[in-house]
Amino acid sequence: MYANSSPVSSGQTGPHEQLSALVARHAHHAFRQPVARHNRAAFDDSIAQWRARGALPLILDAGCGVGLSTLHLATRFPDHFVIGVDQSADRSLRNTHWDGPLPENHLRVRANLVDYWRLLLDSGIPLSRHYLLYPNPWPKIGHVARRWHGHAVFPAIVALGGALECRSNWRIYVEEFAAALTQLSGQPAPCEAYAPATPITPFERKYLDSGHALWRCRIGLPSRAAAPA
């Protein structure tokens, strides 16, 4: 059956007690992991295509999967350019089940998000909008550092600025994401229940059809992207 997705199961009953210390540590220590050559090549090619199409205000669909959300966002924001990034070759080749003509203001890129985020920041390119839609929740208590808000790259995500939105079917994930955002930005970031009129990702549709509650955090952030060298 299609609508048979199980709710997230975790030993956590609330935000992780070590999250604040983890976010503080990442904020005060530079993330120096080398950027892979193939990720840099994918980044350079995608930015060249964005510039060639007019360098419209940029939307990043981070972890776009099969790219259905990228198409929805490109259609919803025709005066923007949407780049969907996912590292999975398998997902990039799957059918998006999109009906109708493809919008011209979008591009899908196969690359590692950790590298792509850092290259975007180092290039001084701010984001107009930024979406993290149903990321892997890593629900085990010991996996908090694998969640994006517990990862060393999270300060770069915040520094890219724009209207940042995260959605999940696990309330704790969004509560943690909101708490980490507030800690780094100094701005209140709410966690709120969310019921989309039209699901824009396959996971969003499956979770809704399975009767899950959905949650999101939205915040407007200033860009702290460094000017390009």
Protein backbone atom coordinates (compact mmCIF):
# COMPACT_ATOMS: atom_id res chain seq x y z
CA MET A 1 0.00 0.00 0.00
CA TYR A 2 1.16 3.56 -0.72
CA ALA A 3 -0.12 5.38 2.38
CA ASN A 4 1.67 3.10 4.84
CA SER A 5 4.50 5.28 6.10
CA SER A 6 5.27 4.76 9.79
CA PRO A 7 5.74 7.77 12.09
CA VAL A 8 9.29 8.59 13.15
CA SER A 9 10.34 6.48 16.13
CA SER A 10 12.95 7.85 18.53
CA GLY A 11 14.09 7.60 22.11
CA GLN A 12 14.02 11.39 22.26
CA THR A 13 10.98 13.02 23.79
CA GLY A 14 12.12 16.61 23.16
CA PRO A 15 15.02 18.61 21.69
CA HIS A 16 18.41 17.04 22.32
CA GLU A 17 20.06 18.28 25.53
CA GLN A 18 23.45 18.62 23.80
CA LEU A 19 22.20 20.57 20.78
CA SER A 20 22.94 24.05 22.12
CA ALA A 21 26.55 23.16 22.96
CA LEU A 22 26.96 21.49 19.57
CA VAL A 23 25.67 24.56 17.70
CA ALA A 24 27.93 26.85 19.75
CA ARG A 25 30.99 24.73 19.01
CA HIS A 26 30.32 24.76 15.27
CA ALA A 27 29.73 28.52 15.35
CA HIS A 28 33.16 29.16 16.89
CA HIS A 29 35.25 26.69 14.91
CA ALA A 30 35.73 26.93 11.15
CA PHE A 31 34.69 23.88 9.14
CA ARG A 32 37.78 23.02 7.09
CA GLN A 33 36.86 19.75 5.42
CA PRO A 34 38.30 19.82 1.87
CA VAL A 35 35.83 20.31 -0.97
CA ALA A 36 35.69 17.38 -3.39
CA ARG A 37 36.75 18.17 -6.94
CA HIS A 38 33.57 16.79 -8.51
CA ASN A 39 31.41 18.89 -6.20
CA ARG A 40 33.32 22.03 -7.14
CA ALA A 41 32.90 21.21 -10.83
CA ALA A 42 29.16 20.66 -10.38
CA PHE A 43 28.89 23.94 -8.47
CA ASP A 44 30.83 25.92 -11.07
CA ASP A 45 28.72 24.52 -13.90
CA SER A 46 25.43 25.26 -12.13
CA ILE A 47 26.40 28.82 -11.27
CA ALA A 48 27.54 29.41 -14.86
CA GLN A 49 24.12 28.25 -16.07
CA TRP A 50 22.37 30.47 -13.50
CA ARG A 51 24.37 33.49 -14.68
CA ALA A 52 23.76 32.65 -18.34
CA ARG A 53 20.01 32.71 -17.68
CA GLY A 54 20.08 36.18 -16.20
CA ALA A 55 21.25 35.63 -12.61
CA LEU A 56 17.69 35.91 -11.28
CA PRO A 57 17.12 35.91 -7.52
CA LEU A 58 18.22 32.46 -6.41
CA ILE A 59 16.26 29.74 -4.63
CA LEU A 60 18.03 26.64 -3.32
CA ASP A 61 16.05 23.40 -2.98
CA ALA A 62 18.46 21.54 -0.71
CA GLY A 63 18.11 17.76 -0.91
CA CYS A 64 15.63 17.93 -3.78
CA GLY A 65 15.37 14.16 -4.28
CA VAL A 66 13.61 13.41 -7.56
CA GLY A 67 13.21 17.14 -8.18
CA LEU A 68 9.43 17.45 -7.91
CA SER A 69 9.75 20.21 -5.32
CA THR A 70 12.22 22.05 -7.57
CA LEU A 71 9.63 22.10 -10.35
CA HIS A 72 6.88 23.27 -8.01
CA LEU A 73 9.06 26.06 -6.67
CA ALA A 74 10.13 27.16 -10.14
CA THR A 75 6.48 27.35 -11.16
CA ARG A 76 5.48 29.20 -8.00
CA PHE A 77 8.32 31.75 -8.35
CA PRO A 78 8.67 32.43 -12.09
CA ASP A 79 10.80 35.53 -11.46
CA HIS A 80 13.40 33.46 -9.56
CA PHE A 81 15.84 30.73 -10.56
CA VAL A 82 15.64 27.45 -8.62
CA ILE A 83 18.60 25.12 -8.17
CA GLY A 84 17.76 21.70 -6.75
CA VAL A 85 20.72 19.83 -5.26
CA ASP A 86 20.85 16.15 -4.32
CA GLN A 87 23.81 13.77 -4.10
CA SER A 88 21.88 10.67 -5.20
CA ALA A 89 22.36 9.57 -8.79
CA ASP A 90 19.45 7.15 -8.41
CA ARG A 91 16.99 9.85 -7.34
CA SER A 92 18.15 12.22 -10.06
CA LEU A 93 17.09 9.68 -12.71
CA ARG A 94 13.65 8.83 -11.30
CA ASN A 95 10.39 10.06 -12.76
CA THR A 96 9.18 13.22 -11.02
CA HIS A 97 5.54 12.52 -12.06
CA TRP A 98 5.31 16.09 -13.29
CA ASP A 99 2.42 16.90 -15.62
CA GLY A 100 2.75 19.74 -18.08
CA PRO A 101 5.66 21.70 -19.54
CA LEU A 102 8.87 22.01 -17.58
CA PRO A 103 9.59 25.50 -16.26
CA GLU A 104 12.73 27.01 -17.75
CA ASN A 105 13.87 28.72 -14.55
CA HIS A 106 15.24 25.66 -12.81
CA LEU A 107 18.23 23.34 -12.73
CA ARG A 108 18.95 20.09 -10.93
CA VAL A 109 22.48 19.38 -9.73
CA ARG A 110 24.05 16.20 -8.46
CA ALA A 111 26.42 17.24 -5.67
CA ASN A 112 27.08 16.88 -1.96
CA LEU A 113 25.12 19.56 -0.11
CA VAL A 114 27.84 20.17 2.50
CA ASP A 115 30.26 21.23 -0.22
CA TYR A 116 27.62 23.04 -2.27
CA TRP A 117 26.51 25.20 0.67
CA ARG A 118 30.08 26.19 1.51
CA LEU A 119 30.96 26.99 -2.10
CA LEU A 120 27.83 29.10 -2.42
CA LEU A 121 28.76 31.04 0.70
CA ASP A 122 32.40 31.49 -0.35
CA SER A 123 31.27 32.76 -3.74
CA GLY A 124 29.32 35.59 -2.13
CA ILE A 125 26.02 34.52 -3.68
CA PRO A 126 23.07 35.23 -1.36
CA LEU A 127 19.86 33.24 -1.46
CA SER A 128 16.41 34.73 -1.89
CA ARG A 129 14.77 31.54 -0.60
CA HIS A 130 16.12 28.33 0.84
CA TYR A 131 14.20 25.08 1.39
CA LEU A 132 15.09 21.93 3.33
CA LEU A 133 12.09 19.71 2.74
CA TYR A 134 11.86 16.49 4.77
CA PRO A 135 15.56 15.86 5.37
CA ASN A 136 16.68 12.56 6.85
CA PRO A 137 15.68 12.94 10.54
CA TRP A 138 18.43 10.72 11.94
CA PRO A 139 16.12 9.95 14.90
CA LYS A 140 18.52 7.98 17.11
CA ILE A 141 19.63 10.01 20.11
CA GLY A 142 23.29 9.53 19.23
CA HIS A 143 22.76 10.85 15.69
CA VAL A 144 22.04 14.48 16.60
CA ALA A 145 25.25 15.66 14.90
CA ARG A 146 24.04 14.15 11.62
CA ARG A 147 20.92 16.33 11.55
CA TRP A 148 21.53 19.50 9.55
CA HIS A 149 21.12 21.78 12.56
CA GLY A 150 23.66 19.68 14.48
CA HIS A 151 26.13 19.47 11.60
CA ALA A 152 29.27 21.57 11.29
CA VAL A 153 27.88 23.10 8.08
CA PHE A 154 24.86 24.65 9.82
CA PRO A 155 26.47 28.10 10.34
CA ALA A 156 26.96 28.28 6.56
CA ILE A 157 23.28 27.45 6.00
CA VAL A 158 22.29 30.34 8.26
CA ALA A 159 24.84 32.72 6.74
CA LEU A 160 23.41 32.23 3.24
CA GLY A 161 20.35 34.15 4.40
CA GLY A 162 17.02 34.50 2.63
CA ALA A 163 13.64 33.07 3.53
CA LEU A 164 14.70 29.75 5.07
CA GLU A 165 12.11 26.99 5.49
CA CYS A 166 12.47 23.49 6.90
CA ARG A 167 9.66 20.89 6.90
CA SER A 168 9.47 17.49 8.57
CA ASN A 169 6.97 14.92 9.81
CA TRP A 170 8.97 14.72 13.08
CA ARG A 171 8.12 17.61 15.37
CA ILE A 172 11.34 17.29 17.36
CA TYR A 173 13.42 17.81 14.23
CA VAL A 174 11.70 21.12 13.49
CA GLU A 175 11.82 22.19 17.15
CA GLU A 176 15.57 21.56 17.17
CA PHE A 177 16.02 23.32 13.83
CA ALA A 178 14.12 26.35 15.16
CA ALA A 179 16.16 26.40 18.40
CA ALA A 180 19.46 26.22 16.49
CA LEU A 181 18.32 29.01 14.16
CA THR A 182 17.37 31.22 17.08
CA GLN A 183 20.70 30.53 18.77
CA LEU A 184 22.75 31.50 15.72
CA SER A 185 20.63 34.31 14.30
CA GLY A 186 19.23 35.91 17.43
CA GLN A 187 15.81 35.90 15.77
CA PRO A 188 12.82 33.93 17.08
CA ALA A 189 12.13 30.96 14.83
CA PRO A 190 8.76 29.28 15.37
CA CYS A 191 7.90 25.61 14.96
CA GLU A 192 4.37 25.35 13.60
CA ALA A 193 1.96 22.71 12.38
CA TYR A 194 1.64 22.73 8.61
CA ALA A 195 -1.00 21.38 6.24
CA PRO A 196 -0.13 22.11 2.59
CA ALA A 197 -2.96 22.60 0.12
CA THR A 198 -0.82 20.88 -2.53
CA PRO A 199 2.04 18.56 -1.54
CA ILE A 200 5.20 19.46 -3.43
CA THR A 201 7.40 16.44 -2.65
CA PRO A 202 6.66 12.70 -2.84
CA PHE A 203 7.42 12.41 0.90
CA GLU A 204 5.05 15.23 1.75
CA ARG A 205 2.24 13.52 -0.16
CA LYS A 206 2.99 10.12 1.36
CA TYR A 207 3.13 11.47 4.90
CA LEU A 208 -0.17 13.30 4.46
CA ASP A 209 -1.82 10.23 2.96
CA SER A 210 -0.49 8.18 5.87
CA GLY A 211 -2.12 10.52 8.36
CA HIS A 212 1.06 12.11 9.72
CA ALA A 213 1.14 15.58 11.23
CA LEU A 214 3.57 17.88 9.41
CA TRP A 215 5.70 20.64 10.91
CA ARG A 216 7.70 23.54 9.57
CA CYS A 217 9.96 26.38 10.61
CA ARG A 218 10.20 29.59 8.55
CA ILE A 219 12.43 32.58 9.14
CA GLY A 220 13.78 35.52 7.14
CA LEU A 221 17.55 35.84 7.46
CA PRO A 222 20.03 38.48 6.33
CA SER A 223 22.84 37.21 4.11
CA ARG A 224 26.34 37.09 5.53
CA ALA A 225 27.82 35.72 2.32
CA ALA A 226 31.38 36.96 1.81
CA ALA A 227 32.15 38.97 -1.28
CA PRO A 228 33.76 36.76 -3.95
CA ALA A 229 37.51 37.00 -4.35
